[in-house]
Amino acid sequence: MESIRELLEVIILKLKSKDKIGVIKELTSPLLKKGVITDEEEFLKAILKRENLESTGIGFGVAIPHARTKSAKKLVLAFGRSMEGIDFSSIDGKPSYLVFLIAAPEDKKSEYILTLARLSKILRREDIRRSLRNAKDEEEVLQTIERAEK
């Protein structure tokens, strides 16, 4: 199974969007350009449906919006960082600064669930969250993820 680092296709260190839907669209856009997501409308519908079931704001300044959908060609991650914080209706009521979007094909259920679990486990660590919030460039983000997975 691929590592989180290998699945990470997109890194945006300064998200422009100020709300949840804007952030999701901002992280989806480069995946569309790369051809990893084939249908933006279908993907956004799936991810927002999941978001409406239960917030993907897991607390500690982290949100992990995710969906399995036929518009995803492969399991992939996009990471975005917000300096101001985004309201993801997190369970702790605090804004999210680190957002990891997971897109997966419908037939990759176990890999999808494992990726979500591994990512959640990594992001529970204060040192990893701090490193991601302070990373100066994409390489530092990748090194942090790599360190966390060891």
C-alpha atoms as a PDB file:
ATOM      1  CA  MET A   1       0.000   0.000   0.000  1.00  0.00           C
ATOM      2  CA  GLU A   2       1.243   3.452  -0.914  1.00  0.00           C
ATOM      3  CA  SER A   3       2.446   5.832   1.764  1.00  0.00           C
ATOM      4  CA  ILE A   4       0.647   9.081   2.574  1.00  0.00           C
ATOM      5  CA  ARG A   5       3.582  10.918   0.968  1.00  0.00           C
ATOM      6  CA  GLU A   6       3.176   8.927  -2.280  1.00  0.00           C
ATOM      7  CA  LEU A   7      -0.568   9.650  -2.365  1.00  0.00           C
ATOM      8  CA  LEU A   8      -0.073  13.392  -1.856  1.00  0.00           C
ATOM      9  CA  GLU A   9      -0.551  14.929  -5.327  1.00  0.00           C
ATOM     10  CA  VAL A  10      -1.301  18.538  -4.410  1.00  0.00           C
ATOM     11  CA  ILE A  11       0.089  20.898  -1.768  1.00  0.00           C
ATOM     12  CA  ILE A  12      -1.258  24.430  -1.351  1.00  0.00           C
ATOM     13  CA  LEU A  13       0.509  26.296   1.442  1.00  0.00           C
ATOM     14  CA  LYS A  14      -1.650  29.429   1.274  1.00  0.00           C
ATOM     15  CA  LEU A  15      -5.301  28.635   0.712  1.00  0.00           C
ATOM     16  CA  LYS A  16      -7.167  31.670  -0.602  1.00  0.00           C
ATOM     17  CA  SER A  17     -10.668  30.448   0.277  1.00  0.00           C
ATOM     18  CA  LYS A  18     -12.266  31.524   3.533  1.00  0.00           C
ATOM     19  CA  ASP A  19     -14.982  28.867   3.802  1.00  0.00           C
ATOM     20  CA  LYS A  20     -15.309  25.086   3.721  1.00  0.00           C
ATOM     21  CA  ILE A  21     -16.842  24.749   0.241  1.00  0.00           C
ATOM     22  CA  GLY A  22     -14.315  27.199  -1.217  1.00  0.00           C
ATOM     23  CA  VAL A  23     -11.419  25.235   0.286  1.00  0.00           C
ATOM     24  CA  ILE A  24     -12.785  21.930  -1.032  1.00  0.00           C
ATOM     25  CA  LYS A  25     -13.101  23.450  -4.531  1.00  0.00           C
ATOM     26  CA  GLU A  26      -9.616  24.980  -4.281  1.00  0.00           C
ATOM     27  CA  LEU A  27      -8.105  21.585  -3.403  1.00  0.00           C
ATOM     28  CA  THR A  28     -10.189  19.795  -6.067  1.00  0.00           C
ATOM     29  CA  SER A  29      -9.230  22.129  -8.926  1.00  0.00           C
ATOM     30  CA  PRO A  30      -5.589  20.953  -9.355  1.00  0.00           C
ATOM     31  CA  LEU A  31      -6.759  17.305  -9.167  1.00  0.00           C
ATOM     32  CA  LEU A  32      -9.113  18.037 -12.079  1.00  0.00           C
ATOM     33  CA  LYS A  33      -6.263  19.636 -14.051  1.00  0.00           C
ATOM     34  CA  LYS A  34      -4.139  16.523 -13.448  1.00  0.00           C
ATOM     35  CA  GLY A  35      -7.001  14.310 -14.626  1.00  0.00           C
ATOM     36  CA  VAL A  36      -7.196  12.417 -11.328  1.00  0.00           C
ATOM     37  CA  ILE A  37     -10.767  13.643 -10.845  1.00  0.00           C
ATOM     38  CA  THR A  38     -12.838  13.508 -14.019  1.00  0.00           C
ATOM     39  CA  ASP A  39     -16.115  15.153 -13.021  1.00  0.00           C
ATOM     40  CA  GLU A  40     -15.950  18.155 -10.685  1.00  0.00           C
ATOM     41  CA  GLU A  41     -19.693  18.400 -10.090  1.00  0.00           C
ATOM     42  CA  GLU A  42     -20.053  14.702  -9.250  1.00  0.00           C
ATOM     43  CA  PHE A  43     -17.002  14.786  -6.954  1.00  0.00           C
ATOM     44  CA  LEU A  44     -18.130  17.919  -5.099  1.00  0.00           C
ATOM     45  CA  LYS A  45     -21.622  16.438  -4.679  1.00  0.00           C
ATOM     46  CA  ALA A  46     -20.110  13.273  -3.136  1.00  0.00           C
ATOM     47  CA  ILE A  47     -17.764  15.163  -0.821  1.00  0.00           C
ATOM     48  CA  LEU A  48     -20.433  17.624   0.349  1.00  0.00           C
ATOM     49  CA  LYS A  49     -22.888  14.773   0.921  1.00  0.00           C
ATOM     50  CA  ARG A  50     -20.254  13.180   3.189  1.00  0.00           C
ATOM     51  CA  GLU A  51     -19.649  16.562   4.877  1.00  0.00           C
ATOM     52  CA  ASN A  52     -23.381  16.932   5.594  1.00  0.00           C
ATOM     53  CA  LEU A  53     -23.557  13.510   7.272  1.00  0.00           C
ATOM     54  CA  GLU A  54     -20.911  14.473   9.820  1.00  0.00           C
ATOM     55  CA  SER A  55     -18.233  17.138   9.873  1.00  0.00           C
ATOM     56  CA  THR A  56     -14.787  16.057   8.740  1.00  0.00           C
ATOM     57  CA  GLY A  57     -13.257  18.656  11.062  1.00  0.00           C
ATOM     58  CA  ILE A  58     -11.555  16.223  13.450  1.00  0.00           C
ATOM     59  CA  GLY A  59     -10.331  18.891  15.869  1.00  0.00           C
ATOM     60  CA  PHE A  60      -6.802  20.103  16.676  1.00  0.00           C
ATOM     61  CA  GLY A  61      -7.020  22.500  13.699  1.00  0.00           C
ATOM     62  CA  VAL A  62      -7.415  19.636  11.208  1.00  0.00           C
ATOM     63  CA  ALA A  63     -10.084  18.696   8.654  1.00  0.00           C
ATOM     64  CA  ILE A  64     -10.098  15.650   6.369  1.00  0.00           C
ATOM     65  CA  PRO A  65     -12.874  16.023   3.787  1.00  0.00           C
ATOM     66  CA  HIS A  66     -13.146  12.748   1.879  1.00  0.00           C
ATOM     67  CA  ALA A  67     -15.282  10.770  -0.556  1.00  0.00           C
ATOM     68  CA  ARG A  68     -15.314   7.625  -2.650  1.00  0.00           C
ATOM     69  CA  THR A  69     -16.734   8.394  -6.064  1.00  0.00           C
ATOM     70  CA  LYS A  70     -16.696   7.186  -9.653  1.00  0.00           C
ATOM     71  CA  SER A  71     -15.162  10.525 -10.705  1.00  0.00           C
ATOM     72  CA  ALA A  72     -11.891   9.665  -8.895  1.00  0.00           C
ATOM     73  CA  LYS A  73      -9.485   7.679 -11.109  1.00  0.00           C
ATOM     74  CA  LYS A  74      -7.229   6.660  -8.212  1.00  0.00           C
ATOM     75  CA  LEU A  75      -6.780   7.173  -4.488  1.00  0.00           C
ATOM     76  CA  VAL A  76      -5.190  10.574  -4.032  1.00  0.00           C
ATOM     77  CA  LEU A  77      -4.607  13.291  -1.424  1.00  0.00           C
ATOM     78  CA  ALA A  78      -4.499  17.061  -1.609  1.00  0.00           C
ATOM     79  CA  PHE A  79      -3.189  19.182   1.283  1.00  0.00           C
ATOM     80  CA  GLY A  80      -4.030  22.793   1.940  1.00  0.00           C
ATOM     81  CA  ARG A  81      -3.023  25.136   4.733  1.00  0.00           C
ATOM     82  CA  SER A  82      -4.950  28.184   5.888  1.00  0.00           C
ATOM     83  CA  MET A  83      -3.253  30.839   8.003  1.00  0.00           C
ATOM     84  CA  GLU A  84      -6.592  32.289   9.203  1.00  0.00           C
ATOM     85  CA  GLY A  85      -8.361  28.977   9.762  1.00  0.00           C
ATOM     86  CA  ILE A  86     -11.543  27.642   8.146  1.00  0.00           C
ATOM     87  CA  ASP A  87     -14.811  26.781   9.870  1.00  0.00           C
ATOM     88  CA  PHE A  88     -15.238  23.048   9.231  1.00  0.00           C
ATOM     89  CA  SER A  89     -17.721  22.649  12.116  1.00  0.00           C
ATOM     90  CA  SER A  90     -14.978  20.744  13.937  1.00  0.00           C
ATOM     91  CA  ILE A  91     -15.860  18.568  16.894  1.00  0.00           C
ATOM     92  CA  ASP A  92     -13.829  20.869  19.173  1.00  0.00           C
ATOM     93  CA  GLY A  93     -15.511  23.991  17.738  1.00  0.00           C
ATOM     94  CA  LYS A  94     -12.175  25.434  16.577  1.00  0.00           C
ATOM     95  CA  PRO A  95     -11.116  26.446  13.046  1.00  0.00           C
ATOM     96  CA  SER A  96      -9.150  24.094  10.785  1.00  0.00           C
ATOM     97  CA  TYR A  97      -5.734  25.240   9.539  1.00  0.00           C
ATOM     98  CA  LEU A  98      -4.633  21.960   7.961  1.00  0.00           C
ATOM     99  CA  VAL A  99      -6.950  20.368   5.395  1.00  0.00           C
ATOM    100  CA  PHE A 100      -6.287  16.996   3.775  1.00  0.00           C
ATOM    101  CA  LEU A 101      -8.721  16.102   0.996  1.00  0.00           C
ATOM    102  CA  ILE A 102      -9.031  12.408   0.120  1.00  0.00           C
ATOM    103  CA  ALA A 103     -10.491  11.307  -3.215  1.00  0.00           C
ATOM    104  CA  ALA A 104     -10.889   7.620  -3.953  1.00  0.00           C
ATOM    105  CA  PRO A 105     -12.580   5.434  -6.572  1.00  0.00           C
ATOM    106  CA  GLU A 106     -15.635   3.555  -5.304  1.00  0.00           C
ATOM    107  CA  ASP A 107     -13.853   0.180  -5.597  1.00  0.00           C
ATOM    108  CA  LYS A 108     -10.974   1.184  -3.278  1.00  0.00           C
ATOM    109  CA  LYS A 109     -12.935   1.024  -0.018  1.00  0.00           C
ATOM    110  CA  SER A 110     -10.328  -0.722   2.150  1.00  0.00           C
ATOM    111  CA  GLU A 111      -7.406   1.414   0.895  1.00  0.00           C
ATOM    112  CA  TYR A 112      -9.576   4.512   1.416  1.00  0.00           C
ATOM    113  CA  ILE A 113     -10.447   3.573   5.005  1.00  0.00           C
ATOM    114  CA  LEU A 114      -6.833   2.631   5.799  1.00  0.00           C
ATOM    115  CA  THR A 115      -5.569   5.930   4.357  1.00  0.00           C
ATOM    116  CA  LEU A 116      -8.098   7.889   6.402  1.00  0.00           C
ATOM    117  CA  ALA A 117      -7.077   5.981   9.547  1.00  0.00           C
ATOM    118  CA  ARG A 118      -3.330   6.435   8.911  1.00  0.00           C
ATOM    119  CA  LEU A 119      -3.759  10.130   8.213  1.00  0.00           C
ATOM    120  CA  SER A 120      -5.880  10.621  11.352  1.00  0.00           C
ATOM    121  CA  LYS A 121      -3.258   8.821  13.436  1.00  0.00           C
ATOM    122  CA  ILE A 122      -0.406  10.969  12.058  1.00  0.00           C
ATOM    123  CA  LEU A 123      -2.349  14.186  12.577  1.00  0.00           C
ATOM    124  CA  ARG A 124      -3.088  13.410  16.226  1.00  0.00           C
ATOM    125  CA  ARG A 125       0.580  14.177  16.902  1.00  0.00           C
ATOM    126  CA  GLU A 126       1.144  17.754  18.061  1.00  0.00           C
ATOM    127  CA  ASP A 127       4.711  17.855  16.651  1.00  0.00           C
ATOM    128  CA  ILE A 128       3.499  16.851  13.174  1.00  0.00           C
ATOM    129  CA  ARG A 129       0.676  19.416  13.171  1.00  0.00           C
ATOM    130  CA  ARG A 130       3.107  22.114  14.311  1.00  0.00           C
ATOM    131  CA  SER A 131       5.624  21.177  11.591  1.00  0.00           C
ATOM    132  CA  LEU A 132       2.906  21.271   8.921  1.00  0.00           C
ATOM    133  CA  ARG A 133       1.652  24.653  10.142  1.00  0.00           C
ATOM    134  CA  ASN A 134       5.194  26.061  10.072  1.00  0.00           C
ATOM    135  CA  ALA A 135       6.483  24.401   6.875  1.00  0.00           C
ATOM    136  CA  LYS A 136       8.166  26.951   4.616  1.00  0.00           C
ATOM    137  CA  ASP A 137       7.705  24.998   1.383  1.00  0.00           C
ATOM    138  CA  GLU A 138       6.305  21.826  -0.186  1.00  0.00           C
ATOM    139  CA  GLU A 139       9.501  19.868   0.506  1.00  0.00           C
ATOM    140  CA  GLU A 140       9.160  20.551   4.248  1.00  0.00           C
ATOM    141  CA  VAL A 141       5.561  19.295   4.134  1.00  0.00           C
ATOM    142  CA  LEU A 142       6.703  16.089   2.397  1.00  0.00           C
ATOM    143  CA  GLN A 143       9.570  15.587   4.865  1.00  0.00           C
ATOM    144  CA  THR A 144       7.172  16.045   7.785  1.00  0.00           C
ATOM    145  CA  ILE A 145       4.764  13.466   6.378  1.00  0.00           C
ATOM    146  CA  GLU A 146       7.639  11.078   5.710  1.00  0.00           C
ATOM    147  CA  ARG A 147       8.947  11.495   9.269  1.00  0.00           C
ATOM    148  CA  ALA A 148       5.467  10.901  10.680  1.00  0.00           C
ATOM    149  CA  GLU A 149       5.072   7.651   8.754  1.00  0.00           C
ATOM    150  CA  LYS A 150       8.292   6.102  10.078  1.00  0.00           C
END
